[in-house]
Amino acid sequence: TTGVRSLSKFVHKFIKFKQLSNITVLG
């Protein structure tokens, strides 16, 4: 499952856990 999509899902879980919104994302 190592891949870009899995990392995106991880970021989504992190954002939900931290209850973040109105984010400026830098990559």
PDB file of all heavy atoms in Angstrom:
ATOM      1  N   THR A   1       0.820  -1.218   0.000  1.00  0.00           N
ATOM      2  CA  THR A   1       0.000   0.000   0.000  1.00  0.00           C
ATOM      3  C   THR A   1       0.851   1.264   0.000  1.00  0.00           C
ATOM      4  O   THR A   1       0.317   2.371   0.135  1.00  0.00           O
ATOM      5  CB  THR A   1      -0.948   0.028   1.217  1.00  0.00           C
ATOM      6  OG1 THR A   1      -0.173  -0.018   2.422  1.00  0.00           O
ATOM      7  CG2 THR A   1      -1.906  -1.141   1.174  1.00  0.00           C
ATOM      8  N   THR A   2       2.162   1.120  -0.146  1.00  0.00           N
ATOM      9  CA  THR A   2       3.037   2.286  -0.171  1.00  0.00           C
ATOM     10  C   THR A   2       2.817   3.062  -1.469  1.00  0.00           C
ATOM     11  O   THR A   2       3.040   2.541  -2.557  1.00  0.00           O
ATOM     12  CB  THR A   2       4.513   1.860  -0.061  1.00  0.00           C
ATOM     13  OG1 THR A   2       4.723   1.246   1.213  1.00  0.00           O
ATOM     14  CG2 THR A   2       5.446   3.064  -0.191  1.00  0.00           C
ATOM     15  N   GLY A   3       2.334   4.301  -1.335  1.00  0.00           N
ATOM     16  CA  GLY A   3       2.077   5.097  -2.529  1.00  0.00           C
ATOM     17  C   GLY A   3       1.559   6.476  -2.185  1.00  0.00           C
ATOM     18  O   GLY A   3       1.271   6.790  -1.022  1.00  0.00           O
ATOM     19  N   VAL A   4       1.442   7.303  -3.205  1.00  0.00           N
ATOM     20  CA  VAL A   4       1.027   8.689  -3.026  1.00  0.00           C
ATOM     21  C   VAL A   4      -0.396   8.761  -2.461  1.00  0.00           C
ATOM     22  O   VAL A   4      -0.685   9.576  -1.572  1.00  0.00           O
ATOM     23  CB  VAL A   4       1.102   9.450  -4.369  1.00  0.00           C
ATOM     24  CG1 VAL A   4       0.670  10.901  -4.180  1.00  0.00           C
ATOM     25  CG2 VAL A   4       2.512   9.403  -4.939  1.00  0.00           C
ATOM     26  N   ARG A   5      -1.259   7.919  -2.971  1.00  0.00           N
ATOM     27  CA  ARG A   5      -2.655   7.952  -2.507  1.00  0.00           C
ATOM     28  C   ARG A   5      -2.752   7.592  -1.020  1.00  0.00           C
ATOM     29  O   ARG A   5      -3.525   8.191  -0.270  1.00  0.00           O
ATOM     30  CB  ARG A   5      -3.506   6.998  -3.338  1.00  0.00           C
ATOM     31  CG  ARG A   5      -5.003   7.274  -3.234  1.00  0.00           C
ATOM     32  CD  ARG A   5      -5.798   6.237  -4.014  1.00  0.00           C
ATOM     33  NE  ARG A   5      -5.458   6.201  -5.414  1.00  0.00           N
ATOM     34  CZ  ARG A   5      -5.988   7.006  -6.332  1.00  0.00           C
ATOM     35  NH1 ARG A   5      -6.861   7.914  -5.968  1.00  0.00           N
ATOM     36  NH2 ARG A   5      -5.631   6.902  -7.597  1.00  0.00           N
ATOM     37  N   SER A   6      -1.958   6.620  -0.580  1.00  0.00           N
ATOM     38  CA  SER A   6      -1.968   6.236   0.837  1.00  0.00           C
ATOM     39  C   SER A   6      -1.474   7.378   1.719  1.00  0.00           C
ATOM     40  O   SER A   6      -2.002   7.594   2.816  1.00  0.00           O
ATOM     41  CB  SER A   6      -1.100   4.989   1.058  1.00  0.00           C
ATOM     42  OG  SER A   6      -1.639   3.878   0.374  1.00  0.00           O
ATOM     43  N   LEU A   7      -0.472   8.099   1.252  1.00  0.00           N
ATOM     44  CA  LEU A   7       0.006   9.253   2.021  1.00  0.00           C
ATOM     45  C   LEU A   7      -1.062  10.338   2.103  1.00  0.00           C
ATOM     46  O   LEU A   7      -1.216  10.994   3.137  1.00  0.00           O
ATOM     47  CB  LEU A   7       1.288   9.827   1.400  1.00  0.00           C
ATOM     48  CG  LEU A   7       2.572   9.044   1.628  1.00  0.00           C
ATOM     49  CD1 LEU A   7       3.750   9.809   1.023  1.00  0.00           C
ATOM     50  CD2 LEU A   7       2.825   8.787   3.108  1.00  0.00           C
ATOM     51  N   SER A   8      -1.813  10.526   1.023  1.00  0.00           N
ATOM     52  CA  SER A   8      -2.903  11.502   1.036  1.00  0.00           C
ATOM     53  C   SER A   8      -3.970  11.102   2.059  1.00  0.00           C
ATOM     54  O   SER A   8      -4.500  11.960   2.783  1.00  0.00           O
ATOM     55  CB  SER A   8      -3.519  11.614  -0.356  1.00  0.00           C
ATOM     56  OG  SER A   8      -4.655  12.449  -0.339  1.00  0.00           O
ATOM     57  N   LYS A   9      -4.266   9.822   2.141  1.00  0.00           N
ATOM     58  CA  LYS A   9      -5.238   9.341   3.127  1.00  0.00           C
ATOM     59  C   LYS A   9      -4.711   9.543   4.546  1.00  0.00           C
ATOM     60  O   LYS A   9      -5.475   9.883   5.467  1.00  0.00           O
ATOM     61  CB  LYS A   9      -5.552   7.863   2.885  1.00  0.00           C
ATOM     62  CG  LYS A   9      -6.352   7.615   1.610  1.00  0.00           C
ATOM     63  CD  LYS A   9      -6.576   6.124   1.368  1.00  0.00           C
ATOM     64  CE  LYS A   9      -7.377   5.900   0.098  1.00  0.00           C
ATOM     65  NZ  LYS A   9      -7.554   4.445  -0.193  1.00  0.00           N
ATOM     66  N   PHE A  10      -3.414   9.358   4.725  1.00  0.00           N
ATOM     67  CA  PHE A  10      -2.798   9.615   6.034  1.00  0.00           C
ATOM     68  C   PHE A  10      -2.956  11.090   6.412  1.00  0.00           C
ATOM     69  O   PHE A  10      -3.304  11.414   7.560  1.00  0.00           O
ATOM     70  CB  PHE A  10      -1.314   9.232   5.993  1.00  0.00           C
ATOM     71  CG  PHE A  10      -0.533   9.679   7.201  1.00  0.00           C
ATOM     72  CD1 PHE A  10      -0.494   8.892   8.342  1.00  0.00           C
ATOM     73  CD2 PHE A  10       0.147  10.889   7.195  1.00  0.00           C
ATOM     74  CE1 PHE A  10       0.216   9.309   9.461  1.00  0.00           C
ATOM     75  CE2 PHE A  10       0.859  11.316   8.314  1.00  0.00           C
ATOM     76  CZ  PHE A  10       0.894  10.521   9.445  1.00  0.00           C
ATOM     77  N   VAL A  11      -2.696  11.980   5.461  1.00  0.00           N
ATOM     78  CA  VAL A  11      -2.842  13.419   5.720  1.00  0.00           C
ATOM     79  C   VAL A  11      -4.290  13.748   6.084  1.00  0.00           C
ATOM     80  O   VAL A  11      -4.562  14.546   6.988  1.00  0.00           O
ATOM     81  CB  VAL A  11      -2.372  14.240   4.497  1.00  0.00           C
ATOM     82  CG1 VAL A  11      -2.749  15.718   4.644  1.00  0.00           C
ATOM     83  CG2 VAL A  11      -0.860  14.096   4.315  1.00  0.00           C
ATOM     84  N   HIS A  12      -5.236  13.095   5.406  1.00  0.00           N
ATOM     85  CA  HIS A  12      -6.647  13.327   5.717  1.00  0.00           C
ATOM     86  C   HIS A  12      -6.970  12.901   7.154  1.00  0.00           C
ATOM     87  O   HIS A  12      -7.671  13.627   7.887  1.00  0.00           O
ATOM     88  CB  HIS A  12      -7.528  12.562   4.730  1.00  0.00           C
ATOM     89  CG  HIS A  12      -8.990  12.811   4.906  1.00  0.00           C
ATOM     90  ND1 HIS A  12      -9.540  14.076   4.911  1.00  0.00           N
ATOM     91  CD2 HIS A  12     -10.032  11.960   5.107  1.00  0.00           C
ATOM     92  CE1 HIS A  12     -10.845  13.995   5.096  1.00  0.00           C
ATOM     93  NE2 HIS A  12     -11.161  12.722   5.227  1.00  0.00           N
ATOM     94  N   LYS A  13      -6.467  11.750   7.568  1.00  0.00           N
ATOM     95  CA  LYS A  13      -6.684  11.298   8.944  1.00  0.00           C
ATOM     96  C   LYS A  13      -6.070  12.274   9.945  1.00  0.00           C
ATOM     97  O   LYS A  13      -6.675  12.559  10.996  1.00  0.00           O
ATOM     98  CB  LYS A  13      -6.081   9.894   9.139  1.00  0.00           C
ATOM     99  CG  LYS A  13      -6.816   8.787   8.417  1.00  0.00           C
ATOM    100  CD  LYS A  13      -6.106   7.452   8.607  1.00  0.00           C
ATOM    101  CE  LYS A  13      -6.787   6.343   7.811  1.00  0.00           C
ATOM    102  NZ  LYS A  13      -6.031   5.067   7.890  1.00  0.00           N
ATOM    103  N   PHE A  14      -4.892  12.780   9.623  1.00  0.00           N
ATOM    104  CA  PHE A  14      -4.229  13.739  10.509  1.00  0.00           C
ATOM    105  C   PHE A  14      -5.043  15.028  10.619  1.00  0.00           C
ATOM    106  O   PHE A  14      -5.255  15.550  11.722  1.00  0.00           O
ATOM    107  CB  PHE A  14      -2.816  14.035   9.985  1.00  0.00           C
ATOM    108  CG  PHE A  14      -2.069  15.046  10.806  1.00  0.00           C
ATOM    109  CD1 PHE A  14      -1.543  14.696  12.043  1.00  0.00           C
ATOM    110  CD2 PHE A  14      -1.883  16.345  10.344  1.00  0.00           C
ATOM    111  CE1 PHE A  14      -0.845  15.623  12.811  1.00  0.00           C
ATOM    112  CE2 PHE A  14      -1.198  17.276  11.102  1.00  0.00           C
ATOM    113  CZ  PHE A  14      -0.676  16.914  12.337  1.00  0.00           C
ATOM    114  N   ILE A  15      -5.514  15.536   9.496  1.00  0.00           N
ATOM    115  CA  ILE A  15      -6.297  16.777   9.487  1.00  0.00           C
ATOM    116  C   ILE A  15      -7.596  16.595  10.276  1.00  0.00           C
ATOM    117  O   ILE A  15      -8.002  17.483  11.049  1.00  0.00           O
ATOM    118  CB  ILE A  15      -6.572  17.218   8.039  1.00  0.00           C
ATOM    119  CG1 ILE A  15      -5.279  17.794   7.427  1.00  0.00           C
ATOM    120  CG2 ILE A  15      -7.703  18.236   7.960  1.00  0.00           C
ATOM    121  CD1 ILE A  15      -5.366  18.107   5.949  1.00  0.00           C
ATOM    122  N   LYS A  16      -8.232  15.440  10.114  1.00  0.00           N
ATOM    123  CA  LYS A  16      -9.463  15.169  10.871  1.00  0.00           C
ATOM    124  C   LYS A  16      -9.165  15.062  12.364  1.00  0.00           C
ATOM    125  O   LYS A  16      -9.910  15.603  13.196  1.00  0.00           O
ATOM    126  CB  LYS A  16     -10.111  13.871  10.373  1.00  0.00           C
ATOM    127  CG  LYS A  16     -10.821  13.999   9.037  1.00  0.00           C
ATOM    128  CD  LYS A  16     -11.401  12.673   8.579  1.00  0.00           C
ATOM    129  CE  LYS A  16     -12.538  12.221   9.473  1.00  0.00           C
ATOM    130  NZ  LYS A  16     -13.127  10.934   8.979  1.00  0.00           N
ATOM    131  N   PHE A  17      -8.079  14.388  12.714  1.00  0.00           N
ATOM    132  CA  PHE A  17      -7.713  14.232  14.121  1.00  0.00           C
ATOM    133  C   PHE A  17      -7.436  15.581  14.776  1.00  0.00           C
ATOM    134  O   PHE A  17      -7.870  15.845  15.904  1.00  0.00           O
ATOM    135  CB  PHE A  17      -6.490  13.321  14.249  1.00  0.00           C
ATOM    136  CG  PHE A  17      -5.912  13.276  15.634  1.00  0.00           C
ATOM    137  CD1 PHE A  17      -6.626  12.720  16.685  1.00  0.00           C
ATOM    138  CD2 PHE A  17      -4.652  13.810  15.885  1.00  0.00           C
ATOM    139  CE1 PHE A  17      -6.099  12.687  17.973  1.00  0.00           C
ATOM    140  CE2 PHE A  17      -4.120  13.784  17.170  1.00  0.00           C
ATOM    141  CZ  PHE A  17      -4.840  13.220  18.220  1.00  0.00           C
ATOM    142  N   LYS A  18      -6.728  16.456  14.062  1.00  0.00           N
ATOM    143  CA  LYS A  18      -6.382  17.773  14.613  1.00  0.00           C
ATOM    144  C   LYS A  18      -7.497  18.803  14.392  1.00  0.00           C
ATOM    145  O   LYS A  18      -7.383  19.941  14.825  1.00  0.00           O
ATOM    146  CB  LYS A  18      -5.083  18.283  13.986  1.00  0.00           C
ATOM    147  CG  LYS A  18      -3.852  17.442  14.285  1.00  0.00           C
ATOM    148  CD  LYS A  18      -3.573  17.328  15.776  1.00  0.00           C
ATOM    149  CE  LYS A  18      -3.154  18.646  16.382  1.00  0.00           C
ATOM    150  NZ  LYS A  18      -2.895  18.506  17.835  1.00  0.00           N
ATOM    151  N   GLN A  19      -8.564  18.401  13.694  1.00  0.00           N
ATOM    152  CA  GLN A  19      -9.719  19.265  13.437  1.00  0.00           C
ATOM    153  C   GLN A  19      -9.277  20.592  12.772  1.00  0.00           C
ATOM    154  O   GLN A  19      -9.652  21.681  13.187  1.00  0.00           O
ATOM    155  CB  GLN A  19     -10.487  19.540  14.728  1.00  0.00           C
ATOM    156  CG  GLN A  19     -11.045  18.272  15.369  1.00  0.00           C
ATOM    157  CD  GLN A  19     -11.824  18.533  16.640  1.00  0.00           C
ATOM    158  OE1 GLN A  19     -11.492  19.413  17.427  1.00  0.00           O
ATOM    159  NE2 GLN A  19     -12.886  17.767  16.848  1.00  0.00           N
ATOM    160  N   LEU A  20      -8.506  20.448  11.710  1.00  0.00           N
ATOM    161  CA  LEU A  20      -7.977  21.606  10.995  1.00  0.00           C
ATOM    162  C   LEU A  20      -8.902  21.991   9.855  1.00  0.00           C
ATOM    163  O   LEU A  20      -9.541  21.137   9.239  1.00  0.00           O
ATOM    164  CB  LEU A  20      -6.584  21.291  10.438  1.00  0.00           C
ATOM    165  CG  LEU A  20      -5.543  20.776  11.436  1.00  0.00           C
ATOM    166  CD1 LEU A  20      -4.250  20.430  10.717  1.00  0.00           C
ATOM    167  CD2 LEU A  20      -5.294  21.788  12.548  1.00  0.00           C
ATOM    168  N   SER A  21      -8.962  23.278   9.555  1.00  0.00           N
ATOM    169  CA  SER A  21      -9.741  23.766   8.413  1.00  0.00           C
ATOM    170  C   SER A  21      -9.100  25.044   7.902  1.00  0.00           C
ATOM    171  O   SER A  21      -8.200  25.615   8.544  1.00  0.00           O
ATOM    172  CB  SER A  21     -11.200  24.028   8.828  1.00  0.00           C
ATOM    173  OG  SER A  21     -11.255  25.012   9.849  1.00  0.00           O
ATOM    174  N   ASN A  22      -9.571  25.500   6.738  1.00  0.00           N
ATOM    175  CA  ASN A  22      -9.057  26.746   6.144  1.00  0.00           C
ATOM    176  C   ASN A  22      -7.527  26.727   6.055  1.00  0.00           C
ATOM    177  O   ASN A  22      -6.841  27.668   6.417  1.00  0.00           O
ATOM    178  CB  ASN A  22      -9.528  27.949   6.975  1.00  0.00           C
ATOM    179  CG  ASN A  22      -9.466  29.248   6.188  1.00  0.00           C
ATOM    180  OD1 ASN A  22      -9.726  29.267   4.990  1.00  0.00           O
ATOM    181  ND2 ASN A  22      -9.108  30.329   6.853  1.00  0.00           N
ATOM    182  N   ILE A  23      -7.021  25.621   5.536  1.00  0.00           N
ATOM    183  CA  ILE A  23      -5.583  25.335   5.544  1.00  0.00           C
ATOM    184  C   ILE A  23      -4.913  25.861   4.277  1.00  0.00           C
ATOM    185  O   ILE A  23      -5.444  25.723   3.178  1.00  0.00           O
ATOM    186  CB  ILE A  23      -5.356  23.806   5.611  1.00  0.00           C
ATOM    187  CG1 ILE A  23      -6.001  23.213   6.859  1.00  0.00           C
ATOM    188  CG2 ILE A  23      -3.890  23.449   5.526  1.00  0.00           C
ATOM    189  CD1 ILE A  23      -6.197  21.700   6.769  1.00  0.00           C
ATOM    190  N   THR A  24      -3.725  26.429   4.439  1.00  0.00           N
ATOM    191  CA  THR A  24      -2.828  26.629   3.300  1.00  0.00           C
ATOM    192  C   THR A  24      -1.787  25.520   3.365  1.00  0.00           C
ATOM    193  O   THR A  24      -1.038  25.414   4.335  1.00  0.00           O
ATOM    194  CB  THR A  24      -2.149  28.003   3.342  1.00  0.00           C
ATOM    195  OG1 THR A  24      -3.147  29.027   3.244  1.00  0.00           O
ATOM    196  CG2 THR A  24      -1.167  28.160   2.180  1.00  0.00           C
ATOM    197  N   VAL A  25      -1.780  24.664   2.353  1.00  0.00           N
ATOM    198  CA  VAL A  25      -0.878  23.521   2.352  1.00  0.00           C
ATOM    199  C   VAL A  25       0.324  23.820   1.462  1.00  0.00           C
ATOM    200  O   VAL A  25       0.182  24.355   0.359  1.00  0.00           O
ATOM    201  CB  VAL A  25      -1.611  22.234   1.902  1.00  0.00           C
ATOM    202  CG1 VAL A  25      -2.185  22.350   0.495  1.00  0.00           C
ATOM    203  CG2 VAL A  25      -0.682  21.018   1.996  1.00  0.00           C
ATOM    204  N   LEU A  26       1.528  23.520   1.972  1.00  0.00           N
ATOM    205  CA  LEU A  26       2.777  23.707   1.234  1.00  0.00           C
ATOM    206  C   LEU A  26       3.436  22.354   1.056  1.00  0.00           C
ATOM    207  O   LEU A  26       3.574  21.596   2.025  1.00  0.00           O
ATOM    208  CB  LEU A  26       3.746  24.618   1.991  1.00  0.00           C
ATOM    209  CG  LEU A  26       3.437  26.109   2.130  1.00  0.00           C
ATOM    210  CD1 LEU A  26       2.346  26.351   3.164  1.00  0.00           C
ATOM    211  CD2 LEU A  26       4.704  26.865   2.531  1.00  0.00           C
ATOM    212  N   GLY A  27       3.845  22.034  -0.160  1.00  0.00           N
ATOM    213  CA  GLY A  27       4.496  20.759  -0.404  1.00  0.00           C
ATOM    214  C   GLY A  27       5.736  20.896  -1.248  1.00  0.00           C
ATOM    215  O   GLY A  27       5.731  21.596  -2.256  1.00  0.00           O
TER     216      GLY A  27
END
